[in-house]
C-alpha cells in the first residue's frame, strides 16, 4: 500500500499516467495525497473540478482498483451503506498519526472481530 505515502505530486503523476494530464492541477490544487485518495469517488470529483461523467467513472474505477476495493453493488437497498473490510481499513488508514501509520490489515481484522 505504498500509495498511502504519496504526496499530492505523486497522485498527480499517477493521474497523468492514467491518461488524464489535464486533471493534474485538480489534484495538486486540492492537496489530494495518497491518504486522501481513499475518499475520492464520483460523488466528490466535481468538488475537485472534474465534471465529465465518463472521466469521473473511469477515475473512480482506477481509484477503487488502486485501493483494492470492489465496486458498490447497485442492486442493494439504498438504506444499506456498502462497507467491505478493505474499505473500512482504508478509512482508518486515511487518518494521520502514529496509530494509523502502524495499523496493518491483519491487525484491523483482529480488532474488528473482538468488537
C-alpha atoms as a PDB file:
ATOM      1  CA  UNK A   1       0.000   0.000   0.000  1.00  0.00           C
ATOM      2  CA  UNK A   2       2.736   2.370  -0.995  1.00  0.00           C
ATOM      3  CA  UNK A   3       0.141   4.813  -2.347  1.00  0.00           C
ATOM      4  CA  UNK A   4      -0.666   5.787   1.259  1.00  0.00           C
ATOM      5  CA  UNK A   5       2.718   7.544   1.351  1.00  0.00           C
ATOM      6  CA  UNK A   6       2.150   9.524  -1.864  1.00  0.00           C
ATOM      7  CA  UNK A   7       2.155  13.299  -1.692  1.00  0.00           C
ATOM      8  CA  UNK A   8      -0.072  15.365  -3.988  1.00  0.00           C
ATOM      9  CA  UNK A   9       2.625  15.456  -6.703  1.00  0.00           C
ATOM     10  CA  UNK A  10       2.783  11.642  -6.719  1.00  0.00           C
ATOM     11  CA  UNK A  11      -1.009  11.492  -7.037  1.00  0.00           C
ATOM     12  CA  UNK A  12      -0.892  13.989  -9.908  1.00  0.00           C
ATOM     13  CA  UNK A  13       1.750  11.874 -11.685  1.00  0.00           C
ATOM     14  CA  UNK A  14      -0.465   8.811 -11.229  1.00  0.00           C
ATOM     15  CA  UNK A  15      -3.452  10.685 -12.701  1.00  0.00           C
ATOM     16  CA  UNK A  16      -1.257  11.699 -15.634  1.00  0.00           C
ATOM     17  CA  UNK A  17      -0.147   8.085 -16.137  1.00  0.00           C
ATOM     18  CA  UNK A  18      -3.819   7.087 -16.394  1.00  0.00           C
ATOM     19  CA  UNK A  19      -4.186   9.429 -19.363  1.00  0.00           C
ATOM     20  CA  UNK A  20      -5.659  12.444 -17.590  1.00  0.00           C
ATOM     21  CA  UNK A  21      -2.866  15.053 -17.541  1.00  0.00           C
ATOM     22  CA  UNK A  22      -5.471  17.815 -17.781  1.00  0.00           C
ATOM     23  CA  UNK A  23      -6.687  16.868 -14.264  1.00  0.00           C
ATOM     24  CA  UNK A  24      -3.290  17.001 -12.554  1.00  0.00           C
ATOM     25  CA  UNK A  25      -3.932  20.520 -11.255  1.00  0.00           C
ATOM     26  CA  UNK A  26      -7.306  19.426  -9.838  1.00  0.00           C
ATOM     27  CA  UNK A  27      -5.480  17.032  -7.538  1.00  0.00           C
ATOM     28  CA  UNK A  28      -2.491  19.228  -6.653  1.00  0.00           C
ATOM     29  CA  UNK A  29      -4.550  22.387  -6.022  1.00  0.00           C
ATOM     30  CA  UNK A  30      -6.824  20.408  -3.708  1.00  0.00           C
ATOM     31  CA  UNK A  31      -3.836  18.775  -1.960  1.00  0.00           C
ATOM     32  CA  UNK A  32      -5.037  15.226  -2.661  1.00  0.00           C
ATOM     33  CA  UNK A  33      -2.457  12.879  -1.159  1.00  0.00           C
ATOM     34  CA  UNK A  34      -2.450   9.087  -1.245  1.00  0.00           C
ATOM     35  CA  UNK A  35      -4.345   9.003   2.033  1.00  0.00           C
ATOM     36  CA  UNK A  36      -6.954  11.403   0.698  1.00  0.00           C
ATOM     37  CA  UNK A  37      -7.413   9.262  -2.437  1.00  0.00           C
ATOM     38  CA  UNK A  38      -9.346   6.910  -0.193  1.00  0.00           C
ATOM     39  CA  UNK A  39     -12.181   9.441  -0.198  1.00  0.00           C
ATOM     40  CA  UNK A  40     -12.135  10.162  -3.945  1.00  0.00           C
ATOM     41  CA  UNK A  41     -15.204   8.900  -5.797  1.00  0.00           C
ATOM     42  CA  UNK A  42     -17.824  10.100  -8.274  1.00  0.00           C
ATOM     43  CA  UNK A  43     -19.649  11.960  -5.552  1.00  0.00           C
ATOM     44  CA  UNK A  44     -16.779  14.330  -4.759  1.00  0.00           C
ATOM     45  CA  UNK A  45     -14.816  14.555  -8.021  1.00  0.00           C
ATOM     46  CA  UNK A  46     -16.920  17.571  -9.133  1.00  0.00           C
ATOM     47  CA  UNK A  47     -15.708  19.374  -5.985  1.00  0.00           C
ATOM     48  CA  UNK A  48     -12.179  18.914  -7.340  1.00  0.00           C
ATOM     49  CA  UNK A  49     -13.193  20.361 -10.706  1.00  0.00           C
ATOM     50  CA  UNK A  50     -13.773  17.100 -12.606  1.00  0.00           C
ATOM     51  CA  UNK A  51     -17.270  17.143 -14.094  1.00  0.00           C
ATOM     52  CA  UNK A  52     -17.078  14.972 -17.212  1.00  0.00           C
ATOM     53  CA  UNK A  53     -19.179  11.943 -16.223  1.00  0.00           C
ATOM     54  CA  UNK A  54     -17.202   9.478 -18.349  1.00  0.00           C
ATOM     55  CA  UNK A  55     -13.926  10.676 -16.805  1.00  0.00           C
ATOM     56  CA  UNK A  56     -15.457  10.603 -13.323  1.00  0.00           C
ATOM     57  CA  UNK A  57     -16.480   6.963 -13.755  1.00  0.00           C
ATOM     58  CA  UNK A  58     -13.064   5.997 -15.127  1.00  0.00           C
ATOM     59  CA  UNK A  59     -11.065   7.804 -12.436  1.00  0.00           C
ATOM     60  CA  UNK A  60     -13.268   6.353  -9.697  1.00  0.00           C
ATOM     61  CA  UNK A  61     -12.718   2.867 -11.130  1.00  0.00           C
ATOM     62  CA  UNK A  62      -8.944   3.421 -11.179  1.00  0.00           C
ATOM     63  CA  UNK A  63      -9.027   4.634  -7.571  1.00  0.00           C
ATOM     64  CA  UNK A  64     -11.033   1.559  -6.499  1.00  0.00           C
ATOM     65  CA  UNK A  65      -8.557  -0.684  -8.314  1.00  0.00           C
ATOM     66  CA  UNK A  66      -5.598   1.046  -6.645  1.00  0.00           C
ATOM     67  CA  UNK A  67      -7.250   0.707  -3.242  1.00  0.00           C
ATOM     68  CA  UNK A  68      -8.282  -2.871  -3.857  1.00  0.00           C
ATOM     69  CA  UNK A  69     -11.951  -2.247  -3.095  1.00  0.00           C
ATOM     70  CA  UNK A  70     -14.898  -3.563  -5.042  1.00  0.00           C
ATOM     71  CA  UNK A  71     -17.441  -1.544  -6.944  1.00  0.00           C
ATOM     72  CA  UNK A  72     -20.612  -0.944  -4.947  1.00  0.00           C
ATOM     73  CA  UNK A  73     -23.470  -3.285  -5.773  1.00  0.00           C
ATOM     74  CA  UNK A  74     -26.231  -1.168  -7.252  1.00  0.00           C
ATOM     75  CA  UNK A  75     -28.992  -3.714  -6.695  1.00  0.00           C
ATOM     76  CA  UNK A  76     -28.763  -3.441  -2.890  1.00  0.00           C
ATOM     77  CA  UNK A  77     -31.068  -1.354  -0.743  1.00  0.00           C
ATOM     78  CA  UNK A  78     -30.212   2.343  -0.620  1.00  0.00           C
ATOM     79  CA  UNK A  79     -30.648   2.183   3.146  1.00  0.00           C
ATOM     80  CA  UNK A  80     -27.668  -0.161   3.413  1.00  0.00           C
ATOM     81  CA  UNK A  81     -24.342   1.603   3.078  1.00  0.00           C
ATOM     82  CA  UNK A  82     -21.764  -0.571   1.293  1.00  0.00           C
ATOM     83  CA  UNK A  83     -18.970  -1.448   3.722  1.00  0.00           C
ATOM     84  CA  UNK A  84     -16.309  -4.034   2.986  1.00  0.00           C
ATOM     85  CA  UNK A  85     -13.311  -4.841   5.169  1.00  0.00           C
ATOM     86  CA  UNK A  86     -10.776  -3.195   2.874  1.00  0.00           C
ATOM     87  CA  UNK A  87     -12.836  -0.019   2.583  1.00  0.00           C
ATOM     88  CA  UNK A  88     -13.204   0.246   6.350  1.00  0.00           C
ATOM     89  CA  UNK A  89      -9.490  -0.416   6.827  1.00  0.00           C
ATOM     90  CA  UNK A  90      -8.541   2.281   4.321  1.00  0.00           C
ATOM     91  CA  UNK A  91     -10.816   4.764   6.060  1.00  0.00           C
ATOM     92  CA  UNK A  92      -8.824   4.144   9.250  1.00  0.00           C
ATOM     93  CA  UNK A  93      -5.522   4.429   7.331  1.00  0.00           C
ATOM     94  CA  UNK A  94      -6.627   7.749   5.815  1.00  0.00           C
ATOM     95  CA  UNK A  95      -6.256   9.362   9.211  1.00  0.00           C
ATOM     96  CA  UNK A  96      -2.970  10.875  10.271  1.00  0.00           C
ATOM     97  CA  UNK A  97      -0.936   9.900  13.285  1.00  0.00           C
ATOM     98  CA  UNK A  98       1.137   7.041  14.598  1.00  0.00           C
ATOM     99  CA  UNK A  99      -1.822   4.705  15.193  1.00  0.00           C
ATOM    100  CA  UNK A 100      -2.913   4.956  11.564  1.00  0.00           C
ATOM    101  CA  UNK A 101       0.669   4.636  10.340  1.00  0.00           C
ATOM    102  CA  UNK A 102       1.342   1.360  12.142  1.00  0.00           C
ATOM    103  CA  UNK A 103      -2.076  -0.249  11.625  1.00  0.00           C
ATOM    104  CA  UNK A 104      -1.942  -3.349   9.412  1.00  0.00           C
ATOM    105  CA  UNK A 105      -4.851  -5.003   7.638  1.00  0.00           C
ATOM    106  CA  UNK A 106      -4.494  -8.187   9.718  1.00  0.00           C
ATOM    107  CA  UNK A 107      -4.450  -6.170  12.937  1.00  0.00           C
ATOM    108  CA  UNK A 108      -7.534  -4.280  11.781  1.00  0.00           C
ATOM    109  CA  UNK A 109      -9.360  -7.552  11.095  1.00  0.00           C
ATOM    110  CA  UNK A 110      -8.392  -8.960  14.512  1.00  0.00           C
ATOM    111  CA  UNK A 111      -9.547  -5.782  16.278  1.00  0.00           C
ATOM    112  CA  UNK A 112     -12.794  -5.771  14.313  1.00  0.00           C
ATOM    113  CA  UNK A 113     -13.638  -9.354  15.307  1.00  0.00           C
ATOM    114  CA  UNK A 114     -13.254  -8.522  19.010  1.00  0.00           C
ATOM    115  CA  UNK A 115     -15.753  -5.657  18.844  1.00  0.00           C
END
